[in-house]
Amino acid sequence: MTRKQIDQISILACITGLVLVAAWFIALAVTGETPDTLAMLASAVGGFELFHFGQGVFTARARRSRGR
């Protein structure tokens, strides 16, 4: 995968996470109960995004140290 494709996956995951969080709040407002499944899905997407962010930081740091 190219870096551009990985960035596109990251953007898609971010949008998906925001949609899941919005759906959680809508379900909470409509039913008055917190849906556990949506919360787990949103946290899984958030975990993926945190991992992806950390990987990007590590890759950028490794590139900088190789350049010196």
PDB file of N, CA and C in Angstrom:
ATOM      1  N   MET A   1       0.836  -1.184   0.000  1.00  0.00           N
ATOM      2  CA  MET A   1       0.000   0.000   0.000  1.00  0.00           C
ATOM      3  C   MET A   1       0.880   1.247   0.000  1.00  0.00           C
ATOM      4  N   THR A   2       0.448   2.227  -0.738  1.00  0.00           N
ATOM      5  CA  THR A   2       1.169   3.487  -0.750  1.00  0.00           C
ATOM      6  C   THR A   2       0.730   4.340   0.432  1.00  0.00           C
ATOM      7  N   ARG A   3       1.494   5.370   0.695  1.00  0.00           N
ATOM      8  CA  ARG A   3       1.174   6.267   1.810  1.00  0.00           C
ATOM      9  C   ARG A   3      -0.164   6.974   1.569  1.00  0.00           C
ATOM     10  N   LYS A   4      -0.438   7.294   0.302  1.00  0.00           N
ATOM     11  CA  LYS A   4      -1.699   7.965  -0.022  1.00  0.00           C
ATOM     12  C   LYS A   4      -2.890   7.056   0.287  1.00  0.00           C
ATOM     13  N   GLN A   5      -2.783   5.773  -0.027  1.00  0.00           N
ATOM     14  CA  GLN A   5      -3.863   4.831   0.256  1.00  0.00           C
ATOM     15  C   GLN A   5      -4.071   4.685   1.763  1.00  0.00           C
ATOM     16  N   ILE A   6      -2.983   4.646   2.506  1.00  0.00           N
ATOM     17  CA  ILE A   6      -3.086   4.520   3.962  1.00  0.00           C
ATOM     18  C   ILE A   6      -3.752   5.761   4.552  1.00  0.00           C
ATOM     19  N   ASP A   7      -3.406   6.936   4.027  1.00  0.00           N
ATOM     20  CA  ASP A   7      -4.052   8.167   4.497  1.00  0.00           C
ATOM     21  C   ASP A   7      -5.540   8.166   4.176  1.00  0.00           C
ATOM     22  N   GLN A   8      -5.917   7.626   3.030  1.00  0.00           N
ATOM     23  CA  GLN A   8      -7.330   7.554   2.670  1.00  0.00           C
ATOM     24  C   GLN A   8      -8.083   6.615   3.614  1.00  0.00           C
ATOM     25  N   ILE A   9      -7.456   5.515   4.002  1.00  0.00           N
ATOM     26  CA  ILE A   9      -8.073   4.600   4.960  1.00  0.00           C
ATOM     27  C   ILE A   9      -8.251   5.302   6.307  1.00  0.00           C
ATOM     28  N   SER A  10      -7.265   6.101   6.688  1.00  0.00           N
ATOM     29  CA  SER A  10      -7.350   6.833   7.946  1.00  0.00           C
ATOM     30  C   SER A  10      -8.497   7.831   7.925  1.00  0.00           C
ATOM     31  N   ILE A  11      -8.677   8.528   6.817  1.00  0.00           N
ATOM     32  CA  ILE A  11      -9.777   9.481   6.696  1.00  0.00           C
ATOM     33  C   ILE A  11     -11.111   8.751   6.754  1.00  0.00           C
ATOM     34  N   LEU A  12     -11.198   7.625   6.079  1.00  0.00           N
ATOM     35  CA  LEU A  12     -12.428   6.832   6.105  1.00  0.00           C
ATOM     36  C   LEU A  12     -12.741   6.342   7.516  1.00  0.00           C
ATOM     37  N   ALA A  13     -11.727   5.897   8.244  1.00  0.00           N
ATOM     38  CA  ALA A  13     -11.934   5.447   9.624  1.00  0.00           C
ATOM     39  C   ALA A  13     -12.364   6.601  10.520  1.00  0.00           C
ATOM     40  N   CYS A  14     -11.807   7.767  10.298  1.00  0.00           N
ATOM     41  CA  CYS A  14     -12.194   8.938  11.088  1.00  0.00           C
ATOM     42  C   CYS A  14     -13.659   9.295  10.854  1.00  0.00           C
ATOM     43  N   ILE A  15     -14.073   9.305   9.609  1.00  0.00           N
ATOM     44  CA  ILE A  15     -15.467   9.600   9.289  1.00  0.00           C
ATOM     45  C   ILE A  15     -16.386   8.541   9.873  1.00  0.00           C
ATOM     46  N   THR A  16     -15.981   7.278   9.773  1.00  0.00           N
ATOM     47  CA  THR A  16     -16.784   6.192  10.335  1.00  0.00           C
ATOM     48  C   THR A  16     -16.934   6.343  11.845  1.00  0.00           C
ATOM     49  N   GLY A  17     -15.852   6.689  12.520  1.00  0.00           N
ATOM     50  CA  GLY A  17     -15.912   6.899  13.963  1.00  0.00           C
ATOM     51  C   GLY A  17     -16.845   8.035  14.341  1.00  0.00           C
ATOM     52  N   LEU A  18     -16.784   9.123  13.593  1.00  0.00           N
ATOM     53  CA  LEU A  18     -17.674  10.253  13.879  1.00  0.00           C
ATOM     54  C   LEU A  18     -19.135   9.887  13.648  1.00  0.00           C
ATOM     55  N   VAL A  19     -19.408   9.116  12.608  1.00  0.00           N
ATOM     56  CA  VAL A  19     -20.777   8.670  12.342  1.00  0.00           C
ATOM     57  C   VAL A  19     -21.263   7.756  13.466  1.00  0.00           C
ATOM     58  N   LEU A  20     -20.402   6.865  13.941  1.00  0.00           N
ATOM     59  CA  LEU A  20     -20.790   5.958  15.030  1.00  0.00           C
ATOM     60  C   LEU A  20     -21.077   6.728  16.321  1.00  0.00           C
ATOM     61  N   VAL A  21     -20.260   7.714  16.615  1.00  0.00           N
ATOM     62  CA  VAL A  21     -20.490   8.524  17.823  1.00  0.00           C
ATOM     63  C   VAL A  21     -21.795   9.304  17.690  1.00  0.00           C
ATOM     64  N   ALA A  22     -22.048   9.871  16.514  1.00  0.00           N
ATOM     65  CA  ALA A  22     -23.314  10.582  16.294  1.00  0.00           C
ATOM     66  C   ALA A  22     -24.499   9.627  16.428  1.00  0.00           C
ATOM     67  N   ALA A  23     -24.372   8.411  15.888  1.00  0.00           N
ATOM     68  CA  ALA A  23     -25.447   7.420  16.006  1.00  0.00           C
ATOM     69  C   ALA A  23     -25.676   7.042  17.470  1.00  0.00           C
ATOM     70  N   TRP A  24     -24.605   6.974  18.257  1.00  0.00           N
ATOM     71  CA  TRP A  24     -24.733   6.652  19.681  1.00  0.00           C
ATOM     72  C   TRP A  24     -25.549   7.730  20.391  1.00  0.00           C
ATOM     73  N   PHE A  25     -25.229   8.994  20.121  1.00  0.00           N
ATOM     74  CA  PHE A  25     -25.960  10.082  20.766  1.00  0.00           C
ATOM     75  C   PHE A  25     -27.412  10.135  20.287  1.00  0.00           C
ATOM     76  N   ILE A  26     -27.635   9.875  19.022  1.00  0.00           N
ATOM     77  CA  ILE A  26     -29.016   9.854  18.513  1.00  0.00           C
ATOM     78  C   ILE A  26     -29.808   8.727  19.174  1.00  0.00           C
ATOM     79  N   ALA A  27     -29.205   7.539  19.271  1.00  0.00           N
ATOM     80  CA  ALA A  27     -29.890   6.417  19.918  1.00  0.00           C
ATOM     81  C   ALA A  27     -30.154   6.715  21.394  1.00  0.00           C
ATOM     82  N   LEU A  28     -29.213   7.379  22.043  1.00  0.00           N
ATOM     83  CA  LEU A  28     -29.403   7.753  23.443  1.00  0.00           C
ATOM     84  C   LEU A  28     -30.557   8.746  23.584  1.00  0.00           C
ATOM     85  N   ALA A  29     -30.631   9.700  22.677  1.00  0.00           N
ATOM     86  CA  ALA A  29     -31.704  10.701  22.744  1.00  0.00           C
ATOM     87  C   ALA A  29     -33.063  10.082  22.449  1.00  0.00           C
ATOM     88  N   VAL A  30     -33.112   9.125  21.529  1.00  0.00           N
ATOM     89  CA  VAL A  30     -34.391   8.543  21.131  1.00  0.00           C
ATOM     90  C   VAL A  30     -34.879   7.511  22.148  1.00  0.00           C
ATOM     91  N   THR A  31     -33.989   6.611  22.570  1.00  0.00           N
ATOM     92  CA  THR A  31     -34.417   5.516  23.443  1.00  0.00           C
ATOM     93  C   THR A  31     -34.171   5.779  24.925  1.00  0.00           C
ATOM     94  N   GLY A  32     -33.243   6.670  25.243  1.00  0.00           N
ATOM     95  CA  GLY A  32     -32.914   6.923  26.639  1.00  0.00           C
ATOM     96  C   GLY A  32     -31.965   5.909  27.230  1.00  0.00           C
ATOM     97  N   GLU A  33     -31.481   4.964  26.420  1.00  0.00           N
ATOM     98  CA  GLU A  33     -30.529   3.946  26.870  1.00  0.00           C
ATOM     99  C   GLU A  33     -29.255   4.063  26.037  1.00  0.00           C
ATOM    100  N   THR A  34     -28.156   3.650  26.633  1.00  0.00           N
ATOM    101  CA  THR A  34     -26.900   3.696  25.894  1.00  0.00           C
ATOM    102  C   THR A  34     -26.678   2.370  25.178  1.00  0.00           C
ATOM    103  N   PRO A  35     -26.558   2.381  23.863  1.00  0.00           N
ATOM    104  CA  PRO A  35     -26.315   1.150  23.112  1.00  0.00           C
ATOM    105  C   PRO A  35     -24.850   0.719  23.237  1.00  0.00           C
ATOM    106  N   ASP A  36     -24.634  -0.436  23.823  1.00  0.00           N
ATOM    107  CA  ASP A  36     -23.271  -0.918  24.059  1.00  0.00           C
ATOM    108  C   ASP A  36     -22.541  -1.250  22.758  1.00  0.00           C
ATOM    109  N   THR A  37     -23.243  -1.764  21.790  1.00  0.00           N
ATOM    110  CA  THR A  37     -22.603  -2.160  20.538  1.00  0.00           C
ATOM    111  C   THR A  37     -21.996  -0.957  19.821  1.00  0.00           C
ATOM    112  N   LEU A  38     -22.720   0.136  19.751  1.00  0.00           N
ATOM    113  CA  LEU A  38     -22.192   1.327  19.088  1.00  0.00           C
ATOM    114  C   LEU A  38     -20.992   1.888  19.840  1.00  0.00           C
ATOM    115  N   ALA A  39     -21.031   1.837  21.148  1.00  0.00           N
ATOM    116  CA  ALA A  39     -19.894   2.320  21.936  1.00  0.00           C
ATOM    117  C   ALA A  39     -18.658   1.468  21.683  1.00  0.00           C
ATOM    118  N   MET A  40     -18.830   0.159  21.595  1.00  0.00           N
ATOM    119  CA  MET A  40     -17.689  -0.723  21.319  1.00  0.00           C
ATOM    120  C   MET A  40     -17.138  -0.499  19.916  1.00  0.00           C
ATOM    121  N   LEU A  41     -18.020  -0.313  18.948  1.00  0.00           N
ATOM    122  CA  LEU A  41     -17.559  -0.052  17.580  1.00  0.00           C
ATOM    123  C   LEU A  41     -16.807   1.269  17.491  1.00  0.00           C
ATOM    124  N   ALA A  42     -17.328   2.296  18.137  1.00  0.00           N
ATOM    125  CA  ALA A  42     -16.662   3.601  18.112  1.00  0.00           C
ATOM    126  C   ALA A  42     -15.295   3.531  18.791  1.00  0.00           C
ATOM    127  N   SER A  43     -15.197   2.800  19.893  1.00  0.00           N
ATOM    128  CA  SER A  43     -13.905   2.684  20.569  1.00  0.00           C
ATOM    129  C   SER A  43     -12.924   1.843  19.759  1.00  0.00           C
ATOM    130  N   ALA A  44     -13.416   0.857  19.022  1.00  0.00           N
ATOM    131  CA  ALA A  44     -12.528   0.068  18.153  1.00  0.00           C
ATOM    132  C   ALA A  44     -11.965   0.929  17.033  1.00  0.00           C
ATOM    133  N   VAL A  45     -12.802   1.754  16.435  1.00  0.00           N
ATOM    134  CA  VAL A  45     -12.329   2.660  15.383  1.00  0.00           C
ATOM    135  C   VAL A  45     -11.354   3.671  15.975  1.00  0.00           C
ATOM    136  N   GLY A  46     -11.651   4.166  17.165  1.00  0.00           N
ATOM    137  CA  GLY A  46     -10.734   5.087  17.846  1.00  0.00           C
ATOM    138  C   GLY A  46      -9.395   4.441  18.152  1.00  0.00           C
ATOM    139  N   GLY A  47      -9.408   3.189  18.555  1.00  0.00           N
ATOM    140  CA  GLY A  47      -8.164   2.462  18.800  1.00  0.00           C
ATOM    141  C   GLY A  47      -7.342   2.310  17.529  1.00  0.00           C
ATOM    142  N   PHE A  48      -8.018   2.025  16.432  1.00  0.00           N
ATOM    143  CA  PHE A  48      -7.325   1.933  15.152  1.00  0.00           C
ATOM    144  C   PHE A  48      -6.689   3.272  14.794  1.00  0.00           C
ATOM    145  N   GLU A  49      -7.415   4.350  15.013  1.00  0.00           N
ATOM    146  CA  GLU A  49      -6.887   5.672  14.690  1.00  0.00           C
ATOM    147  C   GLU A  49      -5.688   6.021  15.577  1.00  0.00           C
ATOM    148  N   LEU A  50      -5.748   5.690  16.850  1.00  0.00           N
ATOM    149  CA  LEU A  50      -4.607   5.938  17.739  1.00  0.00           C
ATOM    150  C   LEU A  50      -3.381   5.145  17.299  1.00  0.00           C
ATOM    151  N   PHE A  51      -3.594   3.890  16.922  1.00  0.00           N
ATOM    152  CA  PHE A  51      -2.495   3.069  16.426  1.00  0.00           C
ATOM    153  C   PHE A  51      -1.924   3.673  15.152  1.00  0.00           C
ATOM    154  N   HIS A  52      -2.793   4.086  14.249  1.00  0.00           N
ATOM    155  CA  HIS A  52      -2.342   4.653  12.984  1.00  0.00           C
ATOM    156  C   HIS A  52      -1.575   5.953  13.212  1.00  0.00           C
ATOM    157  N   PHE A  53      -2.025   6.784  14.139  1.00  0.00           N
ATOM    158  CA  PHE A  53      -1.327   8.019  14.472  1.00  0.00           C
ATOM    159  C   PHE A  53       0.060   7.713  15.039  1.00  0.00           C
ATOM    160  N   GLY A  54       0.129   6.763  15.955  1.00  0.00           N
ATOM    161  CA  GLY A  54       1.420   6.374  16.532  1.00  0.00           C
ATOM    162  C   GLY A  54       2.367   5.819  15.486  1.00  0.00           C
ATOM    163  N   GLN A  55       1.843   5.054  14.561  1.00  0.00           N
ATOM    164  CA  GLN A  55       2.670   4.508  13.495  1.00  0.00           C
ATOM    165  C   GLN A  55       3.207   5.634  12.609  1.00  0.00           C
ATOM    166  N   GLY A  56       2.391   6.628  12.337  1.00  0.00           N
ATOM    167  CA  GLY A  56       2.841   7.767  11.535  1.00  0.00           C
ATOM    168  C   GLY A  56       3.930   8.561  12.230  1.00  0.00           C
ATOM    169  N   VAL A  57       3.780   8.764  13.537  1.00  0.00           N
ATOM    170  CA  VAL A  57       4.794   9.478  14.316  1.00  0.00           C
ATOM    171  C   VAL A  57       6.096   8.689  14.306  1.00  0.00           C
ATOM    172  N   PHE A  58       6.007   7.375  14.505  1.00  0.00           N
ATOM    173  CA  PHE A  58       7.199   6.535  14.514  1.00  0.00           C
ATOM    174  C   PHE A  58       7.893   6.558  13.154  1.00  0.00           C
ATOM    175  N   THR A  59       7.119   6.477  12.083  1.00  0.00           N
ATOM    176  CA  THR A  59       7.688   6.481  10.734  1.00  0.00           C
ATOM    177  C   THR A  59       8.365   7.810  10.435  1.00  0.00           C
ATOM    178  N   ALA A  60       7.739   8.918  10.806  1.00  0.00           N
ATOM    179  CA  ALA A  60       8.338  10.236  10.580  1.00  0.00           C
ATOM    180  C   ALA A  60       9.628  10.390  11.378  1.00  0.00           C
ATOM    181  N   ARG A  61       9.627   9.895  12.590  1.00  0.00           N
ATOM    182  CA  ARG A  61      10.824   9.982  13.427  1.00  0.00           C
ATOM    183  C   ARG A  61      11.956   9.131  12.859  1.00  0.00           C
ATOM    184  N   ALA A  62      11.603   7.956  12.351  1.00  0.00           N
ATOM    185  CA  ALA A  62      12.627   7.087  11.756  1.00  0.00           C
ATOM    186  C   ALA A  62      13.211   7.711  10.491  1.00  0.00           C
ATOM    187  N   ARG A  63      12.378   8.380   9.698  1.00  0.00           N
ATOM    188  CA  ARG A  63      12.877   9.063   8.490  1.00  0.00           C
ATOM    189  C   ARG A  63      13.823  10.187   8.858  1.00  0.00           C
ATOM    190  N   ARG A  64      13.474  10.948   9.883  1.00  0.00           N
ATOM    191  CA  ARG A  64      14.340  12.059  10.307  1.00  0.00           C
ATOM    192  C   ARG A  64      15.676  11.567  10.825  1.00  0.00           C
ATOM    193  N   SER A  65      15.669  10.477  11.563  1.00  0.00           N
ATOM    194  CA  SER A  65      16.919   9.982  12.123  1.00  0.00           C
ATOM    195  C   SER A  65      17.798   9.355  11.046  1.00  0.00           C
ATOM    196  N   ARG A  66      17.206   8.792  10.008  1.00  0.00           N
ATOM    197  CA  ARG A  66      17.994   8.242   8.891  1.00  0.00           C
ATOM    198  C   ARG A  66      18.618   9.363   8.062  1.00  0.00           C
ATOM    199  N   GLY A  67      17.948  10.505   8.030  1.00  0.00           N
ATOM    200  CA  GLY A  67      18.432  11.629   7.229  1.00  0.00           C
ATOM    201  C   GLY A  67      19.615  12.339   7.829  1.00  0.00           C
ATOM    202  N   ARG A  68      19.877  12.166   9.094  1.00  0.00           N
ATOM    203  CA  ARG A  68      20.978  12.862   9.791  1.00  0.00           C
ATOM    204  C   ARG A  68      22.293  12.230   9.539  1.00  0.00           C
TER     205      ARG A  68
END
